[in-house]
Amino acid sequence: QPARPDRVAKAIKPDYALSSHVAPLGLLFYTANALPAEYRGGAFVSEHGSWDRSPLNGYRVSYVAFEQG
């Protein structure tokens, strides 16, 4: 049981959650034409992970699609 269930009940679930031991290093909303059209309007997120985890976590670029911008 959480210490403050009233606050838990009011919490807003994130649309996109990073996993544990990961830090976002960059965010880019893509508006160019070099990639296929389905990438336009979405966001690329670069992640840095922790070096002392097995298996390694982070160290990637993720794409997050957005609907209606």
C-alpha atoms as a PDB file:
ATOM      1  CA  GLN A   1       0.000   0.000   0.000  1.00  0.00           C
ATOM      2  CA  PRO A   2       1.521   3.364  -0.982  1.00  0.00           C
ATOM      3  CA  ALA A   3       1.988   5.990   1.707  1.00  0.00           C
ATOM      4  CA  ARG A   4      -0.315   8.426  -0.125  1.00  0.00           C
ATOM      5  CA  PRO A   5      -2.922   6.455  -2.127  1.00  0.00           C
ATOM      6  CA  ASP A   6      -4.808   9.712  -2.782  1.00  0.00           C
ATOM      7  CA  ARG A   7      -1.807  11.038  -4.733  1.00  0.00           C
ATOM      8  CA  VAL A   8      -1.329   7.769  -6.565  1.00  0.00           C
ATOM      9  CA  ALA A   9      -4.971   7.919  -7.673  1.00  0.00           C
ATOM     10  CA  LYS A  10      -4.418  11.424  -9.109  1.00  0.00           C
ATOM     11  CA  ALA A  11      -1.153  10.573 -10.901  1.00  0.00           C
ATOM     12  CA  ILE A  12      -1.091  10.965 -14.672  1.00  0.00           C
ATOM     13  CA  LYS A  13       0.332   7.972 -16.493  1.00  0.00           C
ATOM     14  CA  PRO A  14       3.083   9.020 -18.940  1.00  0.00           C
ATOM     15  CA  ASP A  15       2.467   8.593 -22.664  1.00  0.00           C
ATOM     16  CA  TYR A  16       6.015   7.293 -23.036  1.00  0.00           C
ATOM     17  CA  ALA A  17       8.055   6.043 -20.113  1.00  0.00           C
ATOM     18  CA  LEU A  18      11.795   5.456 -20.021  1.00  0.00           C
ATOM     19  CA  SER A  19      13.022   2.352 -18.278  1.00  0.00           C
ATOM     20  CA  SER A  20      15.041   2.428 -15.086  1.00  0.00           C
ATOM     21  CA  HIS A  21      18.658   3.645 -15.101  1.00  0.00           C
ATOM     22  CA  VAL A  22      18.136   5.581 -18.349  1.00  0.00           C
ATOM     23  CA  ALA A  23      18.516   9.320 -18.941  1.00  0.00           C
ATOM     24  CA  PRO A  24      17.162  11.152 -21.994  1.00  0.00           C
ATOM     25  CA  LEU A  25      19.949  13.158 -23.605  1.00  0.00           C
ATOM     26  CA  GLY A  26      18.179  14.640 -26.583  1.00  0.00           C
ATOM     27  CA  LEU A  27      14.732  15.174 -28.069  1.00  0.00           C
ATOM     28  CA  LEU A  28      13.985  16.043 -31.672  1.00  0.00           C
ATOM     29  CA  PHE A  29      10.554  16.568 -33.227  1.00  0.00           C
ATOM     30  CA  TYR A  30      10.997  15.451 -36.809  1.00  0.00           C
ATOM     31  CA  THR A  31       9.641  17.762 -39.526  1.00  0.00           C
ATOM     32  CA  ALA A  32      11.958  17.075 -42.482  1.00  0.00           C
ATOM     33  CA  ASN A  33      11.391  14.926 -45.582  1.00  0.00           C
ATOM     34  CA  ALA A  34      14.462  12.642 -45.531  1.00  0.00           C
ATOM     35  CA  LEU A  35      12.638   9.773 -43.782  1.00  0.00           C
ATOM     36  CA  PRO A  36       9.298   8.210 -44.735  1.00  0.00           C
ATOM     37  CA  ALA A  37       6.218  10.373 -44.124  1.00  0.00           C
ATOM     38  CA  GLU A  38       5.044   8.357 -41.099  1.00  0.00           C
ATOM     39  CA  TYR A  39       7.955   9.788 -39.075  1.00  0.00           C
ATOM     40  CA  ARG A  40       6.934  13.421 -39.559  1.00  0.00           C
ATOM     41  CA  GLY A  41       5.508  14.996 -36.434  1.00  0.00           C
ATOM     42  CA  GLY A  42       6.960  12.330 -34.143  1.00  0.00           C
ATOM     43  CA  ALA A  43       9.863  12.615 -31.751  1.00  0.00           C
ATOM     44  CA  PHE A  44      13.241  10.929 -31.625  1.00  0.00           C
ATOM     45  CA  VAL A  45      14.641  10.494 -28.110  1.00  0.00           C
ATOM     46  CA  SER A  46      18.298   9.667 -27.521  1.00  0.00           C
ATOM     47  CA  GLU A  47      18.942   7.727 -24.332  1.00  0.00           C
ATOM     48  CA  HIS A  48      22.021   7.197 -22.197  1.00  0.00           C
ATOM     49  CA  GLY A  49      22.138   4.095 -20.043  1.00  0.00           C
ATOM     50  CA  SER A  50      24.064   2.789 -17.091  1.00  0.00           C
ATOM     51  CA  TRP A  51      27.413   1.115 -17.730  1.00  0.00           C
ATOM     52  CA  ASP A  52      27.123  -1.295 -14.789  1.00  0.00           C
ATOM     53  CA  ARG A  53      23.916  -3.110 -15.779  1.00  0.00           C
ATOM     54  CA  SER A  54      23.663  -6.516 -17.356  1.00  0.00           C
ATOM     55  CA  PRO A  55      22.180  -6.565 -19.868  1.00  0.00           C
ATOM     56  CA  LEU A  56      22.956  -2.967 -20.830  1.00  0.00           C
ATOM     57  CA  ASN A  57      19.981  -0.646 -20.683  1.00  0.00           C
ATOM     58  CA  GLY A  58      19.562   2.578 -22.628  1.00  0.00           C
ATOM     59  CA  TYR A  59      22.156   3.462 -25.250  1.00  0.00           C
ATOM     60  CA  ARG A  60      19.576   3.805 -27.985  1.00  0.00           C
ATOM     61  CA  VAL A  61      17.476   6.187 -30.003  1.00  0.00           C
ATOM     62  CA  SER A  62      13.721   5.680 -29.678  1.00  0.00           C
ATOM     63  CA  TYR A  63      10.933   7.005 -31.842  1.00  0.00           C
ATOM     64  CA  VAL A  64       7.673   8.211 -30.306  1.00  0.00           C
ATOM     65  CA  ALA A  65       4.742   8.702 -32.669  1.00  0.00           C
ATOM     66  CA  PHE A  66       2.348  11.575 -32.017  1.00  0.00           C
ATOM     67  CA  GLU A  67      -1.197  11.773 -33.304  1.00  0.00           C
ATOM     68  CA  GLN A  68      -2.604  15.166 -34.231  1.00  0.00           C
ATOM     69  CA  GLY A  69       0.666  16.894 -33.257  1.00  0.00           C
END
